């Protein structure tokens, strides 16, 4: 039984989500204590609980102490099956955080998993749905086919957005060699893309259009094709989100800004554009948010990544990954490079 300390590193829910996925991949049971212990509301939140429940349904895993606000669980994994699963996450629990866990847990199973989640598609403290679809999924192409369909947007507090996820990846049990993942060269900048979405009631104030136009204006000096798509749709809670990504020869860099009451659309667009321009001005090949998500995949496949800064989330995922896998990571914080294997 692997013992995980939930207070390690940044001490958040990512430790649990990564442990759940790696336990499912390896078949190794684990016990985790002090889940989100240092947070204002410690213990399991809805998105963590639903990661557990979905993996139970997909694989027949056995779990002890899995309830809201629990600060410890014991997880005994099962084997992933070909399956379609539909889950209502209730309110605006993050559908993208749940998706990150399920992608990792299933992409090495050789099975086809189709997951429909109702909840928050674009909420605080998690990647936006457009990031999941246009950054994470394409970056995982060497090891699997991940498709994301944003059927309906869900903002805080009511959520009720709908996200469809289909995963078909490698079968590591059939002797197929996993490709080494190298994210250390960027290649030339090709174009800037993005999505500016706002609730239908914000159309009168031109919110999505203003997000789009300010974002596109911000990249004029790059002399590269820039296209940000604007969208409006009916949502159960009012909200807006701008997600931007830069397509380069060998990678995708991204940024985003979630709408805030009282903050003009132009300010949000400037914030997201500056973040992406700063990444492009650095030597980063992946952004810091993608870097921590890629750590378990490097543990499975071997490889390296270069980012802009080594975050506590990166360190936490290294800690968890080394518990489950025969993998050793080398971290160069000065150059912001992480390497696993030769």
Protein backbone atom coordinates (compact mmCIF):
# COMPACT_ATOMS: atom_id res chain seq x y z
CA UNK A 1 0.00 0.00 0.00
CA UNK A 2 1.50 3.30 -1.10
CA UNK A 3 1.21 6.07 1.49
CA UNK A 4 0.74 9.62 0.17
CA UNK A 5 1.07 12.77 2.27
CA UNK A 6 -1.49 15.27 1.01
CA UNK A 7 0.42 18.21 2.48
CA UNK A 8 3.43 17.71 0.21
CA UNK A 9 4.36 20.69 -1.98
CA UNK A 10 1.37 22.89 -2.79
CA UNK A 11 -0.86 20.55 -0.80
CA UNK A 12 -3.91 20.82 -3.07
CA UNK A 13 -6.28 18.48 -4.83
CA UNK A 14 -3.89 17.82 -7.71
CA UNK A 15 -1.97 15.39 -5.49
CA UNK A 16 -5.10 13.29 -5.08
CA UNK A 17 -6.14 13.46 -8.74
CA UNK A 18 -2.69 12.40 -9.93
CA UNK A 19 -2.55 9.59 -7.37
CA UNK A 20 -5.97 8.28 -8.45
CA UNK A 21 -4.92 8.20 -12.10
CA UNK A 22 -1.50 6.62 -11.51
CA UNK A 23 -3.00 4.04 -9.16
CA UNK A 24 -5.43 3.07 -11.92
CA UNK A 25 -2.62 2.85 -14.49
CA UNK A 26 -0.29 0.76 -12.33
CA UNK A 27 -2.80 -1.29 -10.34
CA UNK A 28 -1.13 -0.16 -7.11
CA UNK A 29 -3.47 0.73 -4.21
CA UNK A 30 -2.77 3.79 -2.08
CA UNK A 31 -3.83 5.62 1.02
CA UNK A 32 -3.69 9.41 1.17
CA UNK A 33 -3.99 11.51 4.33
CA UNK A 34 -4.28 15.25 4.97
CA UNK A 35 -6.16 15.88 1.73
CA UNK A 36 -6.11 19.66 1.08
CA UNK A 37 -5.30 20.03 4.77
CA UNK A 38 -4.02 23.61 4.52
CA UNK A 39 -6.98 24.92 2.52
CA UNK A 40 -9.73 27.11 4.05
CA UNK A 41 -12.16 24.22 3.43
CA UNK A 42 -9.99 21.09 3.68
CA UNK A 43 -10.82 17.62 2.46
CA UNK A 44 -12.59 16.32 -0.63
CA UNK A 45 -14.57 18.73 -2.79
CA UNK A 46 -17.15 17.63 -5.34
CA UNK A 47 -14.71 17.42 -8.26
CA UNK A 48 -12.40 15.15 -6.23
CA UNK A 49 -15.28 12.97 -5.11
CA UNK A 50 -16.49 12.59 -8.68
CA UNK A 51 -13.03 11.64 -9.93
CA UNK A 52 -13.25 8.76 -7.47
CA UNK A 53 -16.82 7.80 -8.37
CA UNK A 54 -16.15 7.86 -12.11
CA UNK A 55 -13.07 5.66 -11.72
CA UNK A 56 -15.15 3.30 -9.61
CA UNK A 57 -17.68 3.04 -12.44
CA UNK A 58 -15.03 2.74 -15.17
CA UNK A 59 -12.91 0.14 -13.40
CA UNK A 60 -14.73 -1.31 -10.39
CA UNK A 61 -12.23 0.29 -7.99
CA UNK A 62 -12.85 -0.04 -4.25
CA UNK A 63 -12.66 3.01 -1.99
CA UNK A 64 -12.85 3.74 1.72
CA UNK A 65 -13.76 7.08 3.36
CA UNK A 66 -14.78 8.78 0.10
CA UNK A 67 -17.22 11.51 1.13
CA UNK A 68 -17.30 15.29 1.01
CA UNK A 69 -14.70 16.94 3.29
CA UNK A 70 -12.95 13.64 4.03
CA UNK A 71 -9.22 14.26 4.55
CA UNK A 72 -8.18 10.68 3.83
CA UNK A 73 -9.13 7.85 1.49
CA UNK A 74 -7.94 4.38 0.63
CA UNK A 75 -8.17 3.51 -3.07
CA UNK A 76 -7.84 0.00 -4.52
CA UNK A 77 -7.87 0.26 -8.33
CA UNK A 78 -9.59 -1.94 -10.86
CA UNK A 79 -9.09 -2.39 -14.60
CA UNK A 80 -10.49 0.18 -17.03
CA UNK A 81 -13.28 -1.08 -19.29
CA UNK A 82 -14.67 0.24 -22.58
CA UNK A 83 -17.50 2.35 -21.32
CA UNK A 84 -19.72 5.40 -21.68
CA UNK A 85 -20.30 7.38 -18.50
CA UNK A 86 -22.58 10.33 -17.73
CA UNK A 87 -22.15 12.32 -14.52
CA UNK A 88 -23.75 15.43 -13.10
CA UNK A 89 -21.07 17.11 -10.98
CA UNK A 90 -23.67 19.36 -9.31
CA UNK A 91 -23.36 23.17 -9.23
CA UNK A 92 -20.15 24.49 -10.85
CA UNK A 93 -17.71 21.76 -9.82
CA UNK A 94 -14.91 21.77 -12.39
CA UNK A 95 -15.52 19.44 -15.33
CA UNK A 96 -12.01 20.15 -16.64
CA UNK A 97 -10.26 19.09 -13.41
CA UNK A 98 -12.23 15.84 -13.47
CA UNK A 99 -11.37 15.42 -17.17
CA UNK A 100 -7.63 15.84 -16.49
CA UNK A 101 -7.75 12.96 -14.00
CA UNK A 102 -9.79 10.67 -16.26
CA UNK A 103 -7.61 11.34 -19.32
CA UNK A 104 -4.48 10.32 -17.43
CA UNK A 105 -6.18 7.29 -15.84
CA UNK A 106 -7.45 5.93 -19.18
CA UNK A 107 -5.02 7.00 -21.92
CA UNK A 108 -2.66 4.04 -21.32
CA UNK A 109 -5.45 1.46 -20.97
CA UNK A 110 -6.00 0.68 -24.65
CA UNK A 111 -9.73 1.09 -24.00
CA UNK A 112 -12.18 3.60 -25.44
CA UNK A 113 -13.83 5.74 -22.80
CA UNK A 114 -16.58 8.27 -23.47
CA UNK A 115 -17.41 10.63 -20.62
CA UNK A 116 -20.14 13.28 -20.46
CA UNK A 117 -19.88 15.70 -17.55
CA UNK A 118 -22.36 18.34 -16.45
CA UNK A 119 -20.85 21.05 -14.27
CA UNK A 120 -18.51 24.03 -14.51
CA UNK A 121 -16.67 24.28 -17.82
CA UNK A 122 -14.96 27.63 -17.11
CA UNK A 123 -14.42 28.31 -13.41
CA UNK A 124 -11.70 29.56 -11.06
CA UNK A 125 -8.67 27.44 -10.14
CA UNK A 126 -8.97 25.16 -13.17
CA UNK A 127 -8.10 25.22 -16.85
CA UNK A 128 -10.87 26.48 -19.19
CA UNK A 129 -12.68 24.06 -21.46
CA UNK A 130 -11.05 25.63 -24.54
CA UNK A 131 -7.61 24.99 -23.01
CA UNK A 132 -8.53 21.33 -22.49
CA UNK A 133 -9.72 21.02 -26.10
CA UNK A 134 -7.08 23.11 -27.90
CA UNK A 135 -3.93 22.76 -25.78
CA UNK A 136 -3.84 19.66 -23.56
CA UNK A 137 -5.59 17.29 -25.99
CA UNK A 138 -3.37 18.14 -29.00
CA UNK A 139 -0.21 17.95 -26.89
CA UNK A 140 -1.09 14.36 -25.95
CA UNK A 141 -1.38 13.18 -29.58
CA UNK A 142 1.86 11.14 -29.43
CA UNK A 143 0.23 8.78 -26.93
CA UNK A 144 -3.48 8.91 -27.58
CA UNK A 145 -6.52 10.36 -29.24
CA UNK A 146 -8.32 12.75 -26.90
CA UNK A 147 -11.39 14.55 -28.20
CA UNK A 148 -13.21 17.30 -26.30
CA UNK A 149 -16.62 18.69 -27.23
CA UNK A 150 -17.95 21.72 -25.36
CA UNK A 151 -21.69 21.24 -25.73
CA UNK A 152 -22.73 23.92 -23.23
CA UNK A 153 -20.89 26.46 -21.08
CA UNK A 154 -21.16 26.38 -17.30
CA UNK A 155 -20.10 29.28 -15.08
CA UNK A 156 -20.12 29.76 -11.31
CA UNK A 157 -22.31 29.34 -9.26
CA UNK A 158 -24.91 27.20 -11.10
CA UNK A 159 -22.64 25.48 -13.60
CA UNK A 160 -24.73 23.02 -15.65
CA UNK A 161 -22.39 23.23 -18.60
CA UNK A 162 -21.85 20.03 -20.60
CA UNK A 163 -18.46 18.68 -21.62
CA UNK A 164 -17.96 15.52 -23.67
CA UNK A 165 -14.65 13.68 -23.49
CA UNK A 166 -13.52 10.69 -25.57
CA UNK A 167 -10.18 8.98 -24.85
CA UNK A 168 -8.51 6.23 -26.89
CA UNK A 169 -4.84 5.65 -26.16
CA UNK A 170 -1.96 3.18 -26.01
CA UNK A 171 -2.30 -0.26 -24.46
CA UNK A 172 0.83 -0.49 -22.35
CA UNK A 173 0.07 -4.16 -21.52
CA UNK A 174 0.47 -5.38 -25.11
CA UNK A 175 4.18 -4.68 -25.45
CA UNK A 176 3.79 -1.50 -27.49
CA UNK A 177 6.57 0.98 -26.89
CA UNK A 178 5.51 4.29 -25.43
CA UNK A 179 6.99 7.26 -27.29
CA UNK A 180 9.44 9.46 -25.41
CA UNK A 181 7.90 12.90 -24.87
CA UNK A 182 10.20 15.82 -25.65
CA UNK A 183 8.89 19.31 -25.01
CA UNK A 184 12.18 21.18 -25.18
CA UNK A 185 11.99 22.86 -28.60
CA UNK A 186 9.34 25.38 -29.51
CA UNK A 187 9.74 25.81 -33.25
CA UNK A 188 8.64 28.95 -35.07
CA UNK A 189 5.51 30.83 -34.06
CA UNK A 190 2.83 30.06 -36.67
CA UNK A 191 -0.32 31.83 -35.50
CA UNK A 192 -2.37 33.06 -32.54
CA UNK A 193 -5.83 31.61 -31.97
CA UNK A 194 -8.46 31.89 -29.30
CA UNK A 195 -12.07 31.87 -28.18
CA UNK A 196 -13.90 34.75 -26.52
CA UNK A 197 -17.12 33.43 -24.99
CA UNK A 198 -19.79 35.30 -23.05
CA UNK A 199 -23.27 34.54 -21.78
CA UNK A 200 -26.11 35.63 -24.06
CA UNK A 201 -27.20 38.40 -21.68
CA UNK A 202 -23.78 40.06 -22.12
CA UNK A 203 -24.22 40.41 -25.88
CA UNK A 204 -25.89 43.81 -25.47
CA UNK A 205 -22.65 45.04 -23.88
CA UNK A 206 -20.58 43.48 -26.70
CA UNK A 207 -18.44 41.58 -24.17
CA UNK A 208 -17.25 38.77 -26.45
CA UNK A 209 -16.60 41.19 -29.32
CA UNK A 210 -14.59 43.49 -27.07
CA UNK A 211 -12.56 40.56 -25.73
CA UNK A 212 -11.89 39.40 -29.29
CA UNK A 213 -10.93 42.78 -30.71
CA UNK A 214 -8.63 43.78 -27.85
CA UNK A 215 -6.91 40.38 -27.90
CA UNK A 216 -6.34 40.53 -31.66
CA UNK A 217 -5.08 44.12 -31.42
CA UNK A 218 -2.58 43.11 -28.73
CA UNK A 219 -0.74 40.78 -31.14
CA UNK A 220 -0.52 43.16 -34.13
CA UNK A 221 3.21 43.69 -33.69
CA UNK A 222 3.96 39.97 -34.09
CA UNK A 223 2.97 40.05 -37.77
CA UNK A 224 1.46 36.58 -37.50
CA UNK A 225 -2.08 35.43 -38.35
CA UNK A 226 -4.31 36.13 -35.35
CA UNK A 227 -7.89 34.88 -35.12
CA UNK A 228 -10.01 34.92 -31.98
CA UNK A 229 -13.50 33.49 -32.39
CA UNK A 230 -16.34 35.21 -30.50
CA UNK A 231 -19.27 33.20 -29.14
CA UNK A 232 -22.44 33.86 -27.16
CA UNK A 233 -24.71 31.21 -25.69
CA UNK A 234 -27.37 30.68 -23.06
CA UNK A 235 -25.92 29.79 -19.65
CA UNK A 236 -27.43 29.17 -16.23
CA UNK A 237 -25.04 31.67 -14.61
CA UNK A 238 -23.62 34.80 -16.22
CA UNK A 239 -19.96 34.65 -17.20
CA UNK A 240 -17.26 35.24 -19.80
CA UNK A 241 -13.93 33.62 -20.66
CA UNK A 242 -11.10 34.44 -23.04
CA UNK A 243 -8.68 31.64 -23.91
CA UNK A 244 -5.69 32.31 -26.17
CA UNK A 245 -3.11 29.95 -27.60
CA UNK A 246 -0.04 30.34 -29.78
CA UNK A 247 0.58 27.53 -32.24
CA UNK A 248 4.27 26.97 -32.79
CA UNK A 249 6.08 24.38 -34.89
CA UNK A 250 6.46 21.91 -32.01
CA UNK A 251 4.26 23.15 -29.18
CA UNK A 252 1.27 25.21 -28.07
CA UNK A 253 1.54 28.01 -25.49
CA UNK A 254 -1.60 29.37 -23.86
CA UNK A 255 -3.17 31.84 -21.46
CA UNK A 256 -6.67 32.76 -20.32
CA UNK A 257 -8.69 35.30 -18.37
CA UNK A 258 -11.99 34.54 -16.64
CA UNK A 259 -14.60 37.30 -16.49
CA UNK A 260 -14.85 39.24 -13.23
CA UNK A 261 -17.66 41.51 -12.13
CA UNK A 262 -16.59 45.12 -12.50
CA UNK A 263 -13.56 44.35 -14.68
CA UNK A 264 -13.96 45.64 -18.27
CA UNK A 265 -13.58 43.16 -21.12
CA UNK A 266 -10.63 45.17 -22.43
CA UNK A 267 -8.72 44.72 -19.17
CA UNK A 268 -9.35 40.97 -19.21
CA UNK A 269 -8.12 40.74 -22.79
CA UNK A 270 -5.01 42.79 -22.00
CA UNK A 271 -4.26 40.47 -19.06
CA UNK A 272 -4.55 37.29 -21.12
CA UNK A 273 -2.60 38.78 -24.03
CA UNK A 274 0.22 39.97 -21.77
CA UNK A 275 0.52 36.53 -20.18
CA UNK A 276 0.82 34.87 -23.57
CA UNK A 277 3.24 37.51 -24.92
CA UNK A 278 5.42 37.06 -21.83
CA UNK A 279 5.52 33.32 -22.48
CA UNK A 280 6.48 33.92 -26.10
CA UNK A 281 9.21 36.32 -24.99
CA UNK A 282 10.61 33.68 -22.63
CA UNK A 283 12.23 30.40 -23.62
CA UNK A 284 9.29 28.35 -22.37
CA UNK A 285 8.11 25.46 -24.54
CA UNK A 286 5.08 24.70 -22.34
CA UNK A 287 3.30 27.05 -19.95
CA UNK A 288 3.54 26.38 -16.17
CA UNK A 289 -0.02 25.00 -16.01
CA UNK A 290 0.63 22.47 -18.75
CA UNK A 291 4.01 21.61 -17.24
CA UNK A 292 2.53 20.15 -14.05
CA UNK A 293 -0.10 18.23 -16.04
CA UNK A 294 2.59 16.64 -18.21
CA UNK A 295 4.73 15.34 -15.31
CA UNK A 296 2.92 11.96 -14.94
CA UNK A 297 3.11 11.44 -18.71
CA UNK A 298 6.87 12.03 -18.59
CA UNK A 299 7.01 9.48 -15.78
CA UNK A 300 5.27 6.91 -17.96
CA UNK A 301 7.06 7.63 -21.23
CA UNK A 302 10.31 9.34 -20.28
CA UNK A 303 11.23 12.70 -21.72
CA UNK A 304 11.74 16.33 -20.81
CA UNK A 305 10.01 19.68 -20.78
CA UNK A 306 11.05 23.31 -20.57
CA UNK A 307 8.72 25.85 -19.00
CA UNK A 308 8.97 29.39 -17.65
CA UNK A 309 9.07 28.55 -13.94
CA UNK A 310 9.05 25.41 -11.79
CA UNK A 311 5.88 25.69 -9.71
CA UNK A 312 4.91 23.91 -6.50
CA UNK A 313 2.32 22.01 -8.56
CA UNK A 314 5.15 20.62 -10.71
CA UNK A 315 7.03 19.53 -7.59
CA UNK A 316 3.92 17.94 -6.08
CA UNK A 317 3.21 15.93 -9.23
CA UNK A 318 6.84 14.78 -9.34
CA UNK A 319 6.51 13.59 -5.73
CA UNK A 320 3.34 11.60 -6.49
CA UNK A 321 4.61 10.20 -9.79
CA UNK A 322 7.80 8.89 -8.19
CA UNK A 323 5.70 7.02 -5.59
CA UNK A 324 3.93 4.95 -8.25
CA UNK A 325 6.45 4.63 -11.07
CA UNK A 326 10.04 3.50 -11.41
CA UNK A 327 10.91 7.03 -12.50
CA UNK A 328 13.40 9.60 -11.31
CA UNK A 329 13.06 13.27 -12.23
CA UNK A 330 15.87 15.79 -12.55
CA UNK A 331 14.83 19.42 -12.07
CA UNK A 332 16.87 22.42 -13.15
CA UNK A 333 15.04 25.35 -11.56
CA UNK A 334 17.38 27.93 -13.08
CA UNK A 335 16.63 26.80 -16.65
CA UNK A 336 13.10 25.62 -15.72
CA UNK A 337 13.74 22.19 -17.25
CA UNK A 338 12.37 18.87 -15.97
CA UNK A 339 13.77 15.57 -17.26
CA UNK A 340 12.76 11.97 -16.63
CA UNK A 341 14.90 9.09 -17.87
CA UNK A 342 17.92 9.30 -20.12
